[in-house]
Amino acid sequence: MMWEAWAFAALALLGWLWFDSMRAREGAVDAGSRACQREGLQFLDETVECVSLRPARNERGRLVLRRVYRFEFSDNGNNRRAGHVVMLGGEVESLVMEPFLLR
């Protein structure tokens, strides 16, 4: 009986982690896409890649997950440049883009 409770708790935790990760990923895609659109750049592949995941505290002191997502963009259509979005929980903490040519 006890192992069933532990198995259920583990499945619930995995379900929460998956849901929270999808929400954070969607936020990172949106942030990268809006930043590229604002600067007149191409957001390549319309996707992000999670490169780091670790616990952190938000501004209210709550324990949340800090995720770093990598994406690529192009300033002239012939190259690829890197950008990173840091998500703290479900909020964008920072967005950094590799320098590019201003028109």
PDB file of N, CA and C in Angstrom:
ATOM      1  N   MET A   1       0.817  -1.195   0.000  1.00  0.00           N
ATOM      2  CA  MET A   1       0.000   0.000   0.000  1.00  0.00           C
ATOM      3  C   MET A   1       0.865   1.265   0.000  1.00  0.00           C
ATOM      4  N   MET A   2       1.965   1.239   0.740  1.00  0.00           N
ATOM      5  CA  MET A   2       2.823   2.425   0.840  1.00  0.00           C
ATOM      6  C   MET A   2       3.520   2.718  -0.486  1.00  0.00           C
ATOM      7  N   TRP A   3       3.959   1.680  -1.197  1.00  0.00           N
ATOM      8  CA  TRP A   3       4.648   1.900  -2.470  1.00  0.00           C
ATOM      9  C   TRP A   3       3.716   2.531  -3.484  1.00  0.00           C
ATOM     10  N   GLU A   4       2.410   2.249  -3.404  1.00  0.00           N
ATOM     11  CA  GLU A   4       1.452   2.850  -4.331  1.00  0.00           C
ATOM     12  C   GLU A   4       1.350   4.354  -4.109  1.00  0.00           C
ATOM     13  N   ALA A   5       1.395   4.768  -2.869  1.00  0.00           N
ATOM     14  CA  ALA A   5       1.361   6.200  -2.548  1.00  0.00           C
ATOM     15  C   ALA A   5       2.613   6.893  -3.078  1.00  0.00           C
ATOM     16  N   TRP A   6       3.774   6.247  -2.898  1.00  0.00           N
ATOM     17  CA  TRP A   6       5.022   6.822  -3.410  1.00  0.00           C
ATOM     18  C   TRP A   6       5.015   6.881  -4.937  1.00  0.00           C
ATOM     19  N   ALA A   7       4.497   5.843  -5.574  1.00  0.00           N
ATOM     20  CA  ALA A   7       4.418   5.824  -7.032  1.00  0.00           C
ATOM     21  C   ALA A   7       3.483   6.926  -7.532  1.00  0.00           C
ATOM     22  N   PHE A   8       2.355   7.104  -6.875  1.00  0.00           N
ATOM     23  CA  PHE A   8       1.429   8.162  -7.260  1.00  0.00           C
ATOM     24  C   PHE A   8       2.062   9.543  -7.079  1.00  0.00           C
ATOM     25  N   ALA A   9       2.772   9.739  -5.964  1.00  0.00           N
ATOM     26  CA  ALA A   9       3.435  11.024  -5.711  1.00  0.00           C
ATOM     27  C   ALA A   9       4.509  11.296  -6.772  1.00  0.00           C
ATOM     28  N   ALA A  10       5.253  10.269  -7.139  1.00  0.00           N
ATOM     29  CA  ALA A  10       6.293  10.433  -8.168  1.00  0.00           C
ATOM     30  C   ALA A  10       5.674  10.778  -9.516  1.00  0.00           C
ATOM     31  N   LEU A  11       4.572  10.119  -9.873  1.00  0.00           N
ATOM     32  CA  LEU A  11       3.885  10.432 -11.127  1.00  0.00           C
ATOM     33  C   LEU A  11       3.311  11.848 -11.114  1.00  0.00           C
ATOM     34  N   ALA A  12       2.773  12.258  -9.986  1.00  0.00           N
ATOM     35  CA  ALA A  12       2.241  13.623  -9.862  1.00  0.00           C
ATOM     36  C   ALA A  12       3.364  14.649 -10.017  1.00  0.00           C
ATOM     37  N   LEU A  13       4.515  14.383  -9.415  1.00  0.00           N
ATOM     38  CA  LEU A  13       5.662  15.289  -9.531  1.00  0.00           C
ATOM     39  C   LEU A  13       6.162  15.365 -10.973  1.00  0.00           C
ATOM     40  N   LEU A  14       6.247  14.244 -11.646  1.00  0.00           N
ATOM     41  CA  LEU A  14       6.662  14.231 -13.055  1.00  0.00           C
ATOM     42  C   LEU A  14       5.663  14.976 -13.933  1.00  0.00           C
ATOM     43  N   GLY A  15       4.377  14.808 -13.662  1.00  0.00           N
ATOM     44  CA  GLY A  15       3.350  15.532 -14.414  1.00  0.00           C
ATOM     45  C   GLY A  15       3.467  17.033 -14.216  1.00  0.00           C
ATOM     46  N   TRP A  16       3.677  17.459 -12.973  1.00  0.00           N
ATOM     47  CA  TRP A  16       3.855  18.887 -12.696  1.00  0.00           C
ATOM     48  C   TRP A  16       5.091  19.432 -13.403  1.00  0.00           C
ATOM     49  N   LEU A  17       6.208  18.684 -13.342  1.00  0.00           N
ATOM     50  CA  LEU A  17       7.443  19.131 -13.981  1.00  0.00           C
ATOM     51  C   LEU A  17       7.255  19.278 -15.492  1.00  0.00           C
ATOM     52  N   TRP A  18       6.583  18.324 -16.112  1.00  0.00           N
ATOM     53  CA  TRP A  18       6.330  18.398 -17.551  1.00  0.00           C
ATOM     54  C   TRP A  18       5.469  19.617 -17.885  1.00  0.00           C
ATOM     55  N   PHE A  19       4.374  19.821 -17.154  1.00  0.00           N
ATOM     56  CA  PHE A  19       3.487  20.949 -17.405  1.00  0.00           C
ATOM     57  C   PHE A  19       4.213  22.273 -17.203  1.00  0.00           C
ATOM     58  N   ASP A  20       4.962  22.393 -16.118  1.00  0.00           N
ATOM     59  CA  ASP A  20       5.703  23.621 -15.822  1.00  0.00           C
ATOM     60  C   ASP A  20       6.772  23.882 -16.880  1.00  0.00           C
ATOM     61  N   SER A  21       7.424  22.831 -17.365  1.00  0.00           N
ATOM     62  CA  SER A  21       8.449  22.980 -18.405  1.00  0.00           C
ATOM     63  C   SER A  21       7.846  23.445 -19.724  1.00  0.00           C
ATOM     64  N   MET A  22       6.690  22.927 -20.079  1.00  0.00           N
ATOM     65  CA  MET A  22       6.023  23.354 -21.321  1.00  0.00           C
ATOM     66  C   MET A  22       5.596  24.816 -21.241  1.00  0.00           C
ATOM     67  N   ARG A  23       5.109  25.234 -20.073  1.00  0.00           N
ATOM     68  CA  ARG A  23       4.704  26.630 -19.874  1.00  0.00           C
ATOM     69  C   ARG A  23       5.923  27.563 -19.977  1.00  0.00           C
ATOM     70  N   ALA A  24       7.025  27.184 -19.363  1.00  0.00           N
ATOM     71  CA  ALA A  24       8.242  28.001 -19.419  1.00  0.00           C
ATOM     72  C   ALA A  24       8.798  28.042 -20.839  1.00  0.00           C
ATOM     73  N   ARG A  25       8.761  26.922 -21.540  1.00  0.00           N
ATOM     74  CA  ARG A  25       9.244  26.869 -22.922  1.00  0.00           C
ATOM     75  C   ARG A  25       8.430  27.787 -23.824  1.00  0.00           C
ATOM     76  N   GLU A  26       7.105  27.760 -23.678  1.00  0.00           N
ATOM     77  CA  GLU A  26       6.257  28.646 -24.472  1.00  0.00           C
ATOM     78  C   GLU A  26       6.572  30.111 -24.193  1.00  0.00           C
ATOM     79  N   GLY A  27       6.837  30.440 -22.943  1.00  0.00           N
ATOM     80  CA  GLY A  27       7.224  31.801 -22.584  1.00  0.00           C
ATOM     81  C   GLY A  27       8.548  32.203 -23.219  1.00  0.00           C
ATOM     82  N   ALA A  28       9.503  31.267 -23.253  1.00  0.00           N
ATOM     83  CA  ALA A  28      10.805  31.553 -23.858  1.00  0.00           C
ATOM     84  C   ALA A  28      10.687  31.734 -25.368  1.00  0.00           C
ATOM     85  N   VAL A  29       9.872  30.903 -26.028  1.00  0.00           N
ATOM     86  CA  VAL A  29       9.656  31.056 -27.469  1.00  0.00           C
ATOM     87  C   VAL A  29       9.028  32.411 -27.754  1.00  0.00           C
ATOM     88  N   ASP A  30       8.036  32.782 -26.964  1.00  0.00           N
ATOM     89  CA  ASP A  30       7.362  34.068 -27.148  1.00  0.00           C
ATOM     90  C   ASP A  30       8.326  35.235 -26.940  1.00  0.00           C
ATOM     91  N   ALA A  31       9.150  35.167 -25.896  1.00  0.00           N
ATOM     92  CA  ALA A  31      10.105  36.246 -25.622  1.00  0.00           C
ATOM     93  C   ALA A  31      11.137  36.380 -26.739  1.00  0.00           C
ATOM     94  N   GLY A  32      11.686  35.262 -27.206  1.00  0.00           N
ATOM     95  CA  GLY A  32      12.663  35.297 -28.291  1.00  0.00           C
ATOM     96  C   GLY A  32      12.057  35.807 -29.582  1.00  0.00           C
ATOM     97  N   SER A  33      10.856  35.347 -29.883  1.00  0.00           N
ATOM     98  CA  SER A  33      10.167  35.766 -31.104  1.00  0.00           C
ATOM     99  C   SER A  33       9.855  37.259 -31.083  1.00  0.00           C
ATOM    100  N   ARG A  34       9.346  37.758 -29.950  1.00  0.00           N
ATOM    101  CA  ARG A  34       9.036  39.193 -29.844  1.00  0.00           C
ATOM    102  C   ARG A  34      10.292  40.055 -29.932  1.00  0.00           C
ATOM    103  N   ALA A  35      11.393  39.603 -29.320  1.00  0.00           N
ATOM    104  CA  ALA A  35      12.639  40.362 -29.383  1.00  0.00           C
ATOM    105  C   ALA A  35      13.144  40.448 -30.822  1.00  0.00           C
ATOM    106  N   CYS A  36      13.072  39.346 -31.549  1.00  0.00           N
ATOM    107  CA  CYS A  36      13.509  39.345 -32.951  1.00  0.00           C
ATOM    108  C   CYS A  36      12.594  40.228 -33.799  1.00  0.00           C
ATOM    109  N   GLN A  37      11.311  40.131 -33.575  1.00  0.00           N
ATOM    110  CA  GLN A  37      10.359  40.938 -34.341  1.00  0.00           C
ATOM    111  C   GLN A  37      10.589  42.429 -34.070  1.00  0.00           C
ATOM    112  N   ARG A  38      10.821  42.784 -32.830  1.00  0.00           N
ATOM    113  CA  ARG A  38      11.063  44.182 -32.443  1.00  0.00           C
ATOM    114  C   ARG A  38      12.295  44.747 -33.136  1.00  0.00           C
ATOM    115  N   GLU A  39      13.326  43.915 -33.337  1.00  0.00           N
ATOM    116  CA  GLU A  39      14.578  44.368 -33.934  1.00  0.00           C
ATOM    117  C   GLU A  39      14.645  44.113 -35.437  1.00  0.00           C
ATOM    118  N   GLY A  40      13.589  43.542 -36.023  1.00  0.00           N
ATOM    119  CA  GLY A  40      13.581  43.264 -37.456  1.00  0.00           C
ATOM    120  C   GLY A  40      14.475  42.095 -37.843  1.00  0.00           C
ATOM    121  N   LEU A  41      14.557  41.090 -36.975  1.00  0.00           N
ATOM    122  CA  LEU A  41      15.410  39.923 -37.192  1.00  0.00           C
ATOM    123  C   LEU A  41      14.546  38.692 -37.454  1.00  0.00           C
ATOM    124  N   GLN A  42      15.180  37.647 -37.985  1.00  0.00           N
ATOM    125  CA  GLN A  42      14.508  36.369 -38.203  1.00  0.00           C
ATOM    126  C   GLN A  42      14.742  35.470 -36.993  1.00  0.00           C
ATOM    127  N   PHE A  43      13.664  34.989 -36.401  1.00  0.00           N
ATOM    128  CA  PHE A  43      13.735  34.014 -35.313  1.00  0.00           C
ATOM    129  C   PHE A  43      13.789  32.646 -35.975  1.00  0.00           C
ATOM    130  N   LEU A  44      14.971  32.037 -36.011  1.00  0.00           N
ATOM    131  CA  LEU A  44      15.176  30.813 -36.780  1.00  0.00           C
ATOM    132  C   LEU A  44      14.575  29.593 -36.099  1.00  0.00           C
ATOM    133  N   ASP A  45      14.002  28.719 -36.885  1.00  0.00           N
ATOM    134  CA  ASP A  45      13.444  27.438 -36.467  1.00  0.00           C
ATOM    135  C   ASP A  45      12.237  27.564 -35.536  1.00  0.00           C
ATOM    136  N   GLU A  46      11.866  28.788 -35.157  1.00  0.00           N
ATOM    137  CA  GLU A  46      10.705  29.032 -34.283  1.00  0.00           C
ATOM    138  C   GLU A  46      10.728  28.148 -33.034  1.00  0.00           C
ATOM    139  N   THR A  47      11.921  27.951 -32.470  1.00  0.00           N
ATOM    140  CA  THR A  47      12.031  27.075 -31.308  1.00  0.00           C
ATOM    141  C   THR A  47      13.175  27.507 -30.397  1.00  0.00           C
ATOM    142  N   VAL A  48      13.177  26.954 -29.195  1.00  0.00           N
ATOM    143  CA  VAL A  48      14.239  27.182 -28.217  1.00  0.00           C
ATOM    144  C   VAL A  48      14.706  25.818 -27.703  1.00  0.00           C
ATOM    145  N   GLU A  49      15.895  25.811 -27.114  1.00  0.00           N
ATOM    146  CA  GLU A  49      16.485  24.582 -26.574  1.00  0.00           C
ATOM    147  C   GLU A  49      16.880  24.836 -25.123  1.00  0.00           C
ATOM    148  N   CYS A  50      16.401  24.009 -24.208  1.00  0.00           N
ATOM    149  CA  CYS A  50      16.762  24.161 -22.794  1.00  0.00           C
ATOM    150  C   CYS A  50      18.194  23.656 -22.592  1.00  0.00           C
ATOM    151  N   VAL A  51      19.067  24.537 -22.114  1.00  0.00           N
ATOM    152  CA  VAL A  51      20.464  24.157 -21.920  1.00  0.00           C
ATOM    153  C   VAL A  51      20.854  24.104 -20.442  1.00  0.00           C
ATOM    154  N   SER A  52      19.970  24.591 -19.564  1.00  0.00           N
ATOM    155  CA  SER A  52      20.276  24.563 -18.137  1.00  0.00           C
ATOM    156  C   SER A  52      18.975  24.563 -17.339  1.00  0.00           C
ATOM    157  N   LEU A  53      18.982  23.816 -16.245  1.00  0.00           N
ATOM    158  CA  LEU A  53      17.826  23.731 -15.356  1.00  0.00           C
ATOM    159  C   LEU A  53      18.354  23.577 -13.943  1.00  0.00           C
ATOM    160  N   ARG A  54      17.961  24.507 -13.055  1.00  0.00           N
ATOM    161  CA  ARG A  54      18.413  24.417 -11.670  1.00  0.00           C
ATOM    162  C   ARG A  54      17.445  25.167 -10.759  1.00  0.00           C
ATOM    163  N   PRO A  55      17.411  24.832  -9.491  1.00  0.00           N
ATOM    164  CA  PRO A  55      16.539  25.545  -8.562  1.00  0.00           C
ATOM    165  C   PRO A  55      17.096  26.933  -8.252  1.00  0.00           C
ATOM    166  N   ALA A  56      16.184  27.869  -7.990  1.00  0.00           N
ATOM    167  CA  ALA A  56      16.567  29.237  -7.629  1.00  0.00           C
ATOM    168  C   ALA A  56      15.418  29.854  -6.842  1.00  0.00           C
ATOM    169  N   ARG A  57      15.655  30.992  -6.252  1.00  0.00           N
ATOM    170  CA  ARG A  57      14.604  31.709  -5.519  1.00  0.00           C
ATOM    171  C   ARG A  57      14.170  32.931  -6.329  1.00  0.00           C
ATOM    172  N   ASN A  58      12.851  33.157  -6.365  1.00  0.00           N
ATOM    173  CA  ASN A  58      12.346  34.339  -7.066  1.00  0.00           C
ATOM    174  C   ASN A  58      12.382  35.537  -6.128  1.00  0.00           C
ATOM    175  N   GLU A  59      11.843  36.677  -6.578  1.00  0.00           N
ATOM    176  CA  GLU A  59      11.919  37.908  -5.783  1.00  0.00           C
ATOM    177  C   GLU A  59      11.113  37.825  -4.489  1.00  0.00           C
ATOM    178  N   ARG A  60      10.165  36.898  -4.394  1.00  0.00           N
ATOM    179  CA  ARG A  60       9.384  36.707  -3.169  1.00  0.00           C
ATOM    180  C   ARG A  60       9.991  35.649  -2.258  1.00  0.00           C
ATOM    181  N   GLY A  61      11.113  35.088  -2.674  1.00  0.00           N
ATOM    182  CA  GLY A  61      11.800  34.088  -1.868  1.00  0.00           C
ATOM    183  C   GLY A  61      11.311  32.669  -2.076  1.00  0.00           C
ATOM    184  N   ARG A  62      10.391  32.457  -3.019  1.00  0.00           N
ATOM    185  CA  ARG A  62       9.881  31.110  -3.298  1.00  0.00           C
ATOM    186  C   ARG A  62      10.876  30.329  -4.136  1.00  0.00           C
ATOM    187  N   LEU A  63      10.955  29.045  -3.879  1.00  0.00           N
ATOM    188  CA  LEU A  63      11.834  28.166  -4.646  1.00  0.00           C
ATOM    189  C   LEU A  63      11.158  27.838  -5.972  1.00  0.00           C
ATOM    190  N   VAL A  64      11.814  28.187  -7.081  1.00  0.00           N
ATOM    191  CA  VAL A  64      11.312  27.929  -8.433  1.00  0.00           C
ATOM    192  C   VAL A  64      12.454  27.362  -9.259  1.00  0.00           C
ATOM    193  N   LEU A  65      12.163  27.011 -10.497  1.00  0.00           N
ATOM    194  CA  LEU A  65      13.199  26.506 -11.388  1.00  0.00           C
ATOM    195  C   LEU A  65      13.674  27.626 -12.320  1.00  0.00           C
ATOM    196  N   ARG A  66      14.993  27.749 -12.440  1.00  0.00           N
ATOM    197  CA  ARG A  66      15.593  28.682 -13.398  1.00  0.00           C
ATOM    198  C   ARG A  66      16.031  27.853 -14.597  1.00  0.00           C
ATOM    199  N   ARG A  67      15.480  28.230 -15.759  1.00  0.00           N
ATOM    200  CA  ARG A  67      15.794  27.526 -16.997  1.00  0.00           C
ATOM    201  C   ARG A  67      16.458  28.506 -17.951  1.00  0.00           C
ATOM    202  N   VAL A  68      17.500  28.049 -18.619  1.00  0.00           N
ATOM    203  CA  VAL A  68      18.150  28.843 -19.656  1.00  0.00           C
ATOM    204  C   VAL A  68      17.852  28.174 -20.988  1.00  0.00           C
ATOM    205  N   TYR A  69      17.272  28.951 -21.891  1.00  0.00           N
ATOM    206  CA  TYR A  69      16.931  28.465 -23.223  1.00  0.00           C
ATOM    207  C   TYR A  69      17.797  29.167 -24.249  1.00  0.00           C
ATOM    208  N   ARG A  70      18.269  28.419 -25.210  1.00  0.00           N
ATOM    209  CA  ARG A  70      19.083  28.932 -26.308  1.00  0.00           C
ATOM    210  C   ARG A  70      18.208  28.980 -27.559  1.00  0.00           C
ATOM    211  N   PHE A  71      18.376  30.050 -28.344  1.00  0.00           N
ATOM    212  CA  PHE A  71      17.689  30.126 -29.632  1.00  0.00           C
ATOM    213  C   PHE A  71      18.637  30.753 -30.650  1.00  0.00           C
ATOM    214  N   GLU A  72      18.265  30.669 -31.910  1.00  0.00           N
ATOM    215  CA  GLU A  72      19.085  31.249 -32.967  1.00  0.00           C
ATOM    216  C   GLU A  72      18.262  32.249 -33.766  1.00  0.00           C
ATOM    217  N   PHE A  73      18.946  33.267 -34.243  1.00  0.00           N
ATOM    218  CA  PHE A  73      18.313  34.282 -35.071  1.00  0.00           C
ATOM    219  C   PHE A  73      19.286  34.691 -36.167  1.00  0.00           C
ATOM    220  N   SER A  74      18.783  35.399 -37.151  1.00  0.00           N
ATOM    221  CA  SER A  74      19.620  35.873 -38.246  1.00  0.00           C
ATOM    222  C   SER A  74      19.339  37.349 -38.474  1.00  0.00           C
ATOM    223  N   ASP A  75      20.410  38.111 -38.727  1.00  0.00           N
ATOM    224  CA  ASP A  75      20.228  39.537 -39.004  1.00  0.00           C
ATOM    225  C   ASP A  75      20.185  39.831 -40.499  1.00  0.00           C
ATOM    226  N   ASN A  76      20.683  38.905 -41.329  1.00  0.00           N
ATOM    227  CA  ASN A  76      20.658  39.165 -42.774  1.00  0.00           C
ATOM    228  C   ASN A  76      20.130  37.982 -43.593  1.00  0.00           C
ATOM    229  N   GLY A  77      19.724  36.918 -42.932  1.00  0.00           N
ATOM    230  CA  GLY A  77      19.190  35.755 -43.630  1.00  0.00           C
ATOM    231  C   GLY A  77      20.239  34.756 -44.074  1.00  0.00           C
ATOM    232  N   ASN A  78      21.521  35.084 -43.956  1.00  0.00           N
ATOM    233  CA  ASN A  78      22.596  34.193 -44.397  1.00  0.00           C
ATOM    234  C   ASN A  78      23.462  33.676 -43.255  1.00  0.00           C
ATOM    235  N   ASN A  79      23.109  33.988 -42.039  1.00  0.00           N
ATOM    236  CA  ASN A  79      23.941  33.567 -40.916  1.00  0.00           C
ATOM    237  C   ASN A  79      23.067  33.156 -39.736  1.00  0.00           C
ATOM    238  N   ARG A  80      23.699  32.596 -38.739  1.00  0.00           N
ATOM    239  CA  ARG A  80      23.010  32.217 -37.499  1.00  0.00           C
ATOM    240  C   ARG A  80      23.740  32.870 -36.339  1.00  0.00           C
ATOM    241  N   ARG A  81      22.982  33.497 -35.493  1.00  0.00           N
ATOM    242  CA  ARG A  81      23.518  34.100 -34.274  1.00  0.00           C
ATOM    243  C   ARG A  81      22.759  33.518 -33.092  1.00  0.00           C
ATOM    244  N   ALA A  82      23.385  33.554 -31.923  1.00  0.00           N
ATOM    245  CA  ALA A  82      22.806  32.918 -30.735  1.00  0.00           C
ATOM    246  C   ALA A  82      22.168  33.942 -29.811  1.00  0.00           C
ATOM    247  N   GLY A  83      21.133  33.498 -29.150  1.00  0.00           N
ATOM    248  CA  GLY A  83      20.482  34.274 -28.100  1.00  0.00           C
ATOM    249  C   GLY A  83      20.117  33.343 -26.961  1.00  0.00           C
ATOM    250  N   HIS A  84      19.905  33.911 -25.772  1.00  0.00           N
ATOM    251  CA  HIS A  84      19.533  33.129 -24.598  1.00  0.00           C
ATOM    252  C   HIS A  84      18.392  33.827 -23.859  1.00  0.00           C
ATOM    253  N   VAL A  85      17.438  33.040 -23.418  1.00  0.00           N
ATOM    254  CA  VAL A  85      16.359  33.532 -22.573  1.00  0.00           C
ATOM    255  C   VAL A  85      16.457  32.788 -21.245  1.00  0.00           C
ATOM    256  N   VAL A  86      16.485  33.547 -20.147  1.00  0.00           N
ATOM    257  CA  VAL A  86      16.505  32.939 -18.818  1.00  0.00           C
ATOM    258  C   VAL A  86      15.105  33.096 -18.228  1.00  0.00           C
ATOM    259  N   MET A  87      14.501  31.958 -17.902  1.00  0.00           N
ATOM    260  CA  MET A  87      13.167  31.939 -17.312  1.00  0.00           C
ATOM    261  C   MET A  87      13.294  31.592 -15.833  1.00  0.00           C
ATOM    262  N   LEU A  88      12.722  32.411 -14.978  1.00  0.00           N
ATOM    263  CA  LEU A  88      12.696  32.156 -13.541  1.00  0.00           C
ATOM    264  C   LEU A  88      11.254  31.797 -13.202  1.00  0.00           C
ATOM    265  N   GLY A  89      11.006  30.513 -13.029  1.00  0.00           N
ATOM    266  CA  GLY A  89       9.626  30.055 -12.923  1.00  0.00           C
ATOM    267  C   GLY A  89       8.976  30.230 -14.284  1.00  0.00           C
ATOM    268  N   GLY A  90       7.895  30.982 -14.331  1.00  0.00           N
ATOM    269  CA  GLY A  90       7.209  31.251 -15.589  1.00  0.00           C
ATOM    270  C   GLY A  90       7.478  32.629 -16.141  1.00  0.00           C
ATOM    271  N   GLU A  91       8.383  33.376 -15.521  1.00  0.00           N
ATOM    272  CA  GLU A  91       8.670  34.754 -15.920  1.00  0.00           C
ATOM    273  C   GLU A  91      10.031  34.874 -16.593  1.00  0.00           C
ATOM    274  N   VAL A  92      10.118  35.781 -17.560  1.00  0.00           N
ATOM    275  CA  VAL A  92      11.399  36.044 -18.225  1.00  0.00           C
ATOM    276  C   VAL A  92      12.269  36.848 -17.263  1.00  0.00           C
ATOM    277  N   GLU A  93      13.427  36.309 -16.929  1.00  0.00           N
ATOM    278  CA  GLU A  93      14.369  37.015 -16.062  1.00  0.00           C
ATOM    279  C   GLU A  93      15.305  37.887 -16.894  1.00  0.00           C
ATOM    280  N   SER A  94      15.780  37.338 -18.026  1.00  0.00           N
ATOM    281  CA  SER A  94      16.651  38.112 -18.902  1.00  0.00           C
ATOM    282  C   SER A  94      16.640  37.515 -20.306  1.00  0.00           C
ATOM    283  N   LEU A  95      17.042  38.348 -21.260  1.00  0.00           N
ATOM    284  CA  LEU A  95      17.156  37.927 -22.653  1.00  0.00           C
ATOM    285  C   LEU A  95      18.409  38.587 -23.211  1.00  0.00           C
ATOM    286  N   VAL A  96      19.307  37.781 -23.754  1.00  0.00           N
ATOM    287  CA  VAL A  96      20.577  38.275 -24.297  1.00  0.00           C
ATOM    288  C   VAL A  96      20.704  37.782 -25.725  1.00  0.00           C
ATOM    289  N   MET A  97      21.086  38.698 -26.623  1.00  0.00           N
ATOM    290  CA  MET A  97      21.292  38.324 -28.018  1.00  0.00           C
ATOM    291  C   MET A  97      22.704  38.703 -28.433  1.00  0.00           C
ATOM    292  N   GLU A  98      23.319  37.812 -29.195  1.00  0.00           N
ATOM    293  CA  GLU A  98      24.646  38.064 -29.750  1.00  0.00           C
ATOM    294  C   GLU A  98      24.596  39.356 -30.566  1.00  0.00           C
ATOM    295  N   PRO A  99      25.640  40.180 -30.527  1.00  0.00           N
ATOM    296  CA  PRO A  99      25.624  41.423 -31.300  1.00  0.00           C
ATOM    297  C   PRO A  99      25.364  41.158 -32.795  1.00  0.00           C
ATOM    298  N   PHE A 100      24.639  42.074 -33.408  1.00  0.00           N
ATOM    299  CA  PHE A 100      24.286  41.942 -34.806  1.00  0.00           C
ATOM    300  C   PHE A 100      24.388  43.299 -35.483  1.00  0.00           C
ATOM    301  N   LEU A 101      24.410  43.307 -36.799  1.00  0.00           N
ATOM    302  CA  LEU A 101      24.543  44.516 -37.575  1.00  0.00           C
ATOM    303  C   LEU A 101      23.240  45.315 -37.558  1.00  0.00           C
ATOM    304  N   LEU A 102      23.324  46.560 -37.131  1.00  0.00           N
ATOM    305  CA  LEU A 102      22.152  47.442 -37.165  1.00  0.00           C
ATOM    306  C   LEU A 102      22.047  48.059 -38.540  1.00  0.00           C
ATOM    307  N   ARG A 103      20.868  48.159 -39.051  1.00  0.00           N
ATOM    308  CA  ARG A 103      20.665  48.709 -40.388  1.00  0.00           C
ATOM    309  C   ARG A 103      20.474  50.188 -40.363  1.00  0.00           C
TER     310      ARG A 103
END
